[in-house]
Amino acid sequence: MTFSTLTYEKQDRIATATFTRPHALNAIDEARLADLEAVLDDAETDQNIGALILTGTGRAFCVGLDLGLLERAFDDVDYFEATVRRLNAIITRIEKLPIPVIAAINGFTRAGGFEMSLGCDFIIVADDARIGDVHTDAGVVPACVTMRLKRKVGDQRAKDLLWTARWLTGQEAVDFGLALKSVPAASLIAETRAYAASLIDKPRPALAMLKDIMLTGADMTAEQAADYELAGFVRYMREQPYGREGYYAFREGRRPAWKAVA
């Protein structure tokens, strides 16, 4: 596959999409949206991929919509709506992707880039990165982040970050509940790949089922969520061989088949 705004590599069951518009702080234009859609198409269908990493080059992970795109968008709200709906659909696909998705935040991350990172299952951030929403500082309300952020960090912290438009450092993002861990910039990709490696030796359908249960159950009552989880367990055990194989591998003192070939 050929991409104009990112590179896409697959190695050892880990796919990595790296944004390659450092001159524009990896801002999102229509070509980036198309490239991300193609990456997600591949990650959804390639059963050999166990995890996906999103990261950037240069000083930024992603600073949101491209200035040229915004120039048109502020003059044409219909176009603006169509664009953010497309971005929101991409974030939703990231949330529902049947593999773990990790944002490796290498630098400035705001607006659409911040929104996209919240769709990921995990955020690992460079110590010297800066991350925030900052829409309100420009007199704009966000389109794809408010409830995602509230669910992740809680009501007061979400309001604090959105209403003040302040930036967080890497360690502050961890303390805030946004990021899993903060690491030196020089080791960001190595640390992220090492974390991804701790996930890919699990059956892809098992993690896909867990993602679905956690995402779908988030808006249910406790009783509804418990029922949904139980139904998912039963469906998984009926349809997938991994639970039985894992049990007999344990009984027989051997590695389960999916680890033996990983």
Protein backbone atom coordinates (compact mmCIF):
# COMPACT_ATOMS: atom_id res chain seq x y z
CA MET A 1 0.00 0.00 0.00
CA THR A 2 1.13 3.53 -0.80
CA PHE A 3 0.38 6.45 1.51
CA SER A 4 1.08 10.14 1.11
CA THR A 5 0.84 11.28 4.75
CA LEU A 6 2.12 8.30 6.74
CA THR A 7 4.21 5.17 6.63
CA TYR A 8 2.70 1.81 7.49
CA GLU A 9 4.89 -1.08 8.55
CA LYS A 10 4.16 -4.55 9.89
CA GLN A 11 6.76 -6.47 11.88
CA ASP A 12 6.41 -9.32 14.39
CA ARG A 13 2.59 -8.99 14.40
CA ILE A 14 2.79 -5.28 15.31
CA ALA A 15 1.63 -2.72 12.76
CA THR A 16 2.88 0.87 13.04
CA ALA A 17 1.39 3.89 11.29
CA THR A 18 3.74 6.87 11.52
CA PHE A 19 2.52 10.32 10.51
CA THR A 20 5.02 11.91 8.11
CA ARG A 21 4.05 15.57 7.70
CA PRO A 22 6.43 17.07 10.29
CA HIS A 23 6.57 20.37 8.39
CA ALA A 24 2.84 20.74 9.15
CA LEU A 25 3.12 19.28 12.69
CA ASN A 26 1.37 16.21 11.29
CA ALA A 27 -1.91 18.06 10.86
CA ILE A 28 -4.90 16.23 9.40
CA ASP A 29 -5.90 16.91 5.81
CA GLU A 30 -8.19 14.94 3.51
CA ALA A 31 -5.30 12.75 2.38
CA ARG A 32 -4.56 11.82 6.00
CA LEU A 33 -8.17 10.84 6.56
CA ALA A 34 -8.04 8.58 3.50
CA ASP A 35 -4.73 7.08 4.62
CA LEU A 36 -6.09 6.33 8.09
CA GLU A 37 -9.18 4.70 6.62
CA ALA A 38 -6.97 2.45 4.50
CA VAL A 39 -4.78 1.55 7.49
CA LEU A 40 -7.84 0.58 9.52
CA ASP A 41 -9.19 -1.47 6.61
CA ASP A 42 -5.96 -3.47 6.62
CA ALA A 43 -5.73 -3.82 10.40
CA GLU A 44 -9.32 -5.08 10.53
CA THR A 45 -8.77 -7.79 7.92
CA ASP A 46 -5.15 -8.92 8.40
CA GLN A 47 -5.46 -11.63 11.04
CA ASN A 48 -1.67 -11.68 11.49
CA ILE A 49 -1.72 -8.23 13.09
CA GLY A 50 -1.98 -8.35 16.87
CA ALA A 51 -1.60 -4.65 17.73
CA LEU A 52 -1.51 -1.26 16.02
CA ILE A 53 0.69 1.68 17.03
CA LEU A 54 -0.02 5.27 15.94
CA THR A 55 2.83 7.77 16.24
CA GLY A 56 4.33 10.84 14.58
CA THR A 57 7.58 12.26 13.30
CA GLY A 58 9.22 15.54 14.25
CA ARG A 59 7.91 17.82 16.97
CA ALA A 60 4.30 16.65 16.95
CA PHE A 61 2.09 13.58 17.10
CA CYS A 62 -0.76 15.53 15.48
CA VAL A 63 -2.04 19.08 16.05
CA GLY A 64 -5.51 18.61 14.57
CA LEU A 65 -6.98 19.78 11.29
CA ASP A 66 -4.69 21.29 8.68
CA LEU A 67 -4.73 25.09 8.31
CA GLY A 68 -5.64 24.85 4.64
CA LEU A 69 -8.56 22.59 5.45
CA LEU A 70 -9.67 24.91 8.26
CA GLU A 71 -9.59 27.90 5.92
CA ARG A 72 -12.28 26.23 3.84
CA ALA A 73 -14.12 24.78 6.83
CA PHE A 74 -14.69 28.11 8.59
CA ASP A 75 -16.24 29.46 5.38
CA ASP A 76 -18.38 26.36 4.82
CA VAL A 77 -19.90 24.80 7.93
CA ASP A 78 -21.40 21.96 5.88
CA TYR A 79 -17.90 21.00 4.78
CA PHE A 80 -16.69 21.41 8.37
CA GLU A 81 -19.43 19.05 9.57
CA ALA A 82 -18.65 16.46 6.90
CA THR A 83 -14.96 16.55 7.81
CA VAL A 84 -15.38 16.14 11.56
CA ARG A 85 -17.98 13.44 11.01
CA ARG A 86 -15.40 11.59 8.94
CA LEU A 87 -12.78 12.06 11.66
CA ASN A 88 -15.23 10.89 14.32
CA ALA A 89 -15.98 7.78 12.27
CA ILE A 90 -12.24 7.03 12.15
CA ILE A 91 -11.95 7.44 15.93
CA THR A 92 -14.94 5.14 16.41
CA ARG A 93 -13.29 2.54 14.17
CA ILE A 94 -10.12 2.80 16.26
CA GLU A 95 -12.19 2.20 19.41
CA LYS A 96 -13.84 -0.85 17.85
CA LEU A 97 -10.77 -2.27 16.11
CA PRO A 98 -10.47 -5.94 17.16
CA ILE A 99 -6.87 -5.46 18.32
CA PRO A 100 -5.19 -3.20 20.87
CA VAL A 101 -4.35 0.27 19.53
CA ILE A 102 -1.59 2.28 21.20
CA ALA A 103 -0.89 5.97 20.65
CA ALA A 104 2.82 6.71 21.05
CA ILE A 105 2.69 10.47 21.68
CA ASN A 106 5.99 11.93 20.56
CA GLY A 107 5.31 15.67 20.80
CA PHE A 108 2.61 18.31 20.53
CA THR A 109 -0.86 16.75 20.49
CA ARG A 110 -4.00 18.86 20.41
CA ALA A 111 -7.51 19.18 18.93
CA GLY A 112 -8.09 16.42 16.36
CA GLY A 113 -4.84 14.71 17.31
CA PHE A 114 -5.91 14.68 20.95
CA GLU A 115 -9.33 13.38 19.95
CA MET A 116 -7.76 10.59 17.90
CA SER A 117 -5.48 9.55 20.77
CA LEU A 118 -8.52 9.15 23.04
CA GLY A 119 -9.89 6.52 20.66
CA CYS A 120 -6.82 4.38 21.33
CA ASP A 121 -6.79 1.73 24.04
CA PHE A 122 -3.54 2.98 25.51
CA ILE A 123 -1.44 6.14 25.38
CA ILE A 124 2.29 6.04 26.00
CA VAL A 125 3.74 9.54 25.99
CA ALA A 126 7.21 11.05 25.75
CA ASP A 127 8.28 12.93 28.88
CA ASP A 128 8.70 16.18 26.95
CA ALA A 129 5.48 15.90 24.93
CA ARG A 130 2.63 18.36 25.36
CA ILE A 131 -0.92 17.13 25.18
CA GLY A 132 -4.26 18.93 25.47
CA ASP A 133 -7.49 19.76 23.68
CA VAL A 134 -7.15 23.61 23.54
CA HIS A 135 -10.26 24.17 21.38
CA THR A 136 -11.77 26.71 23.77
CA ASP A 137 -8.65 28.86 23.67
CA ALA A 138 -9.47 29.45 20.00
CA GLY A 139 -13.15 30.11 20.71
CA VAL A 140 -14.20 26.72 19.31
CA VAL A 141 -15.95 23.77 20.93
CA PRO A 142 -14.63 20.26 20.28
CA ALA A 143 -16.53 17.85 18.04
CA CYS A 144 -15.23 14.39 18.94
CA VAL A 145 -13.80 14.42 22.45
CA THR A 146 -16.03 15.62 25.28
CA MET A 147 -17.75 12.42 26.39
CA ARG A 148 -14.77 10.25 25.50
CA LEU A 149 -12.62 12.35 27.81
CA LYS A 150 -15.23 12.37 30.59
CA ARG A 151 -15.51 8.58 30.50
CA LYS A 152 -11.73 8.26 30.64
CA VAL A 153 -10.83 10.75 33.41
CA GLY A 154 -14.11 11.73 35.08
CA ASP A 155 -16.31 14.82 35.10
CA GLN A 156 -14.17 17.40 36.91
CA ARG A 157 -10.91 16.51 35.21
CA ALA A 158 -12.56 16.54 31.78
CA LYS A 159 -14.04 19.97 32.47
CA ASP A 160 -10.70 21.20 33.77
CA LEU A 161 -8.80 20.14 30.66
CA LEU A 162 -11.45 21.28 28.17
CA TRP A 163 -12.48 24.54 29.80
CA THR A 164 -9.00 25.81 30.73
CA ALA A 165 -7.46 24.65 27.43
CA ARG A 166 -4.25 23.88 29.28
CA TRP A 167 -1.44 21.61 28.21
CA LEU A 168 -0.19 18.56 30.10
CA THR A 169 3.35 17.23 30.12
CA GLY A 170 3.97 13.53 29.71
CA GLN A 171 4.02 12.76 33.43
CA GLU A 172 1.04 15.05 34.05
CA ALA A 173 -0.91 13.09 31.43
CA VAL A 174 -0.14 9.92 33.39
CA ASP A 175 -1.16 11.52 36.69
CA PHE A 176 -4.34 12.80 35.02
CA GLY A 177 -5.34 9.31 33.96
CA LEU A 178 -4.89 9.98 30.24
CA ALA A 179 -1.69 8.06 29.59
CA LEU A 180 -0.46 4.68 30.76
CA LYS A 181 3.12 5.81 31.22
CA SER A 182 5.60 8.55 30.32
CA VAL A 183 9.04 7.63 28.97
CA PRO A 184 12.11 9.41 27.59
CA ALA A 185 11.51 10.52 24.00
CA ALA A 186 14.48 8.52 22.74
CA SER A 187 12.93 5.27 23.96
CA LEU A 188 9.27 6.00 23.10
CA ILE A 189 8.96 3.61 20.17
CA ALA A 190 10.99 0.86 21.82
CA GLU A 191 8.89 1.12 24.99
CA THR A 192 5.66 1.13 22.98
CA ARG A 193 6.67 -1.88 20.92
CA ALA A 194 7.69 -3.72 24.09
CA TYR A 195 4.27 -3.05 25.58
CA ALA A 196 2.54 -4.14 22.36
CA ALA A 197 4.60 -7.34 22.46
CA SER A 198 3.07 -8.14 25.87
CA LEU A 199 -0.37 -8.17 24.21
CA ILE A 200 0.14 -9.96 20.91
CA ASP A 201 0.75 -13.40 22.41
CA LYS A 202 -2.94 -13.49 23.35
CA PRO A 203 -5.56 -14.78 20.88
CA ARG A 204 -6.77 -11.89 18.74
CA PRO A 205 -10.46 -12.94 19.14
CA ALA A 206 -10.09 -12.93 22.94
CA LEU A 207 -8.90 -9.32 23.05
CA ALA A 208 -11.50 -8.37 20.43
CA MET A 209 -14.25 -9.80 22.64
CA LEU A 210 -12.90 -7.97 25.69
CA LYS A 211 -12.79 -4.68 23.77
CA ASP A 212 -16.38 -5.13 22.66
CA ILE A 213 -17.59 -5.97 26.16
CA MET A 214 -15.85 -2.96 27.71
CA LEU A 215 -16.91 -0.52 25.00
CA THR A 216 -20.50 -1.67 24.64
CA GLY A 217 -21.01 -2.23 28.35
CA ALA A 218 -19.82 1.25 29.31
CA ASP A 219 -23.28 2.77 28.83
CA MET A 220 -25.23 -0.12 30.38
CA THR A 221 -26.44 -0.64 33.91
CA ALA A 222 -24.34 -2.99 36.02
CA GLU A 223 -26.90 -5.78 35.52
CA GLN A 224 -27.10 -5.24 31.76
CA ALA A 225 -23.32 -5.14 31.46
CA ALA A 226 -22.96 -8.38 33.44
CA ASP A 227 -25.49 -10.07 31.15
CA TYR A 228 -23.68 -8.75 28.07
CA GLU A 229 -20.34 -10.03 29.36
CA LEU A 230 -21.81 -13.46 30.10
CA ALA A 231 -23.37 -13.64 26.63
CA GLY A 232 -20.02 -12.69 25.12
CA PHE A 233 -18.27 -15.41 27.12
CA VAL A 234 -20.74 -18.05 25.93
CA ARG A 235 -20.51 -16.92 22.30
CA TYR A 236 -16.70 -16.92 22.48
CA MET A 237 -16.58 -20.42 23.98
CA ARG A 238 -18.97 -21.75 21.35
CA GLU A 239 -17.28 -20.12 18.37
CA GLN A 240 -13.56 -19.99 19.24
CA PRO A 241 -11.14 -22.85 19.99
CA TYR A 242 -8.72 -20.88 22.16
CA GLY A 243 -10.25 -21.47 25.58
CA ARG A 244 -10.33 -25.23 25.17
CA GLU A 245 -6.83 -25.24 23.68
CA GLY A 246 -5.51 -23.10 26.53
CA TYR A 247 -7.04 -25.41 29.11
CA TYR A 248 -5.60 -28.60 27.57
CA ALA A 249 -2.22 -26.97 27.02
CA PHE A 250 -2.14 -26.20 30.75
CA ARG A 251 -3.18 -29.76 31.62
CA GLU A 252 -0.55 -31.21 29.31
CA GLY A 253 2.25 -28.88 30.38
CA ARG A 254 2.85 -27.37 26.95
CA ARG A 255 2.53 -24.04 25.18
CA PRO A 256 -0.86 -23.41 23.62
CA ALA A 257 -0.89 -23.67 19.83
CA TRP A 258 -1.22 -19.94 19.20
CA LYS A 259 1.91 -19.22 21.28
CA ALA A 260 3.86 -22.08 19.76
CA VAL A 261 3.58 -20.44 16.32
CA ALA A 262 3.74 -16.79 17.43
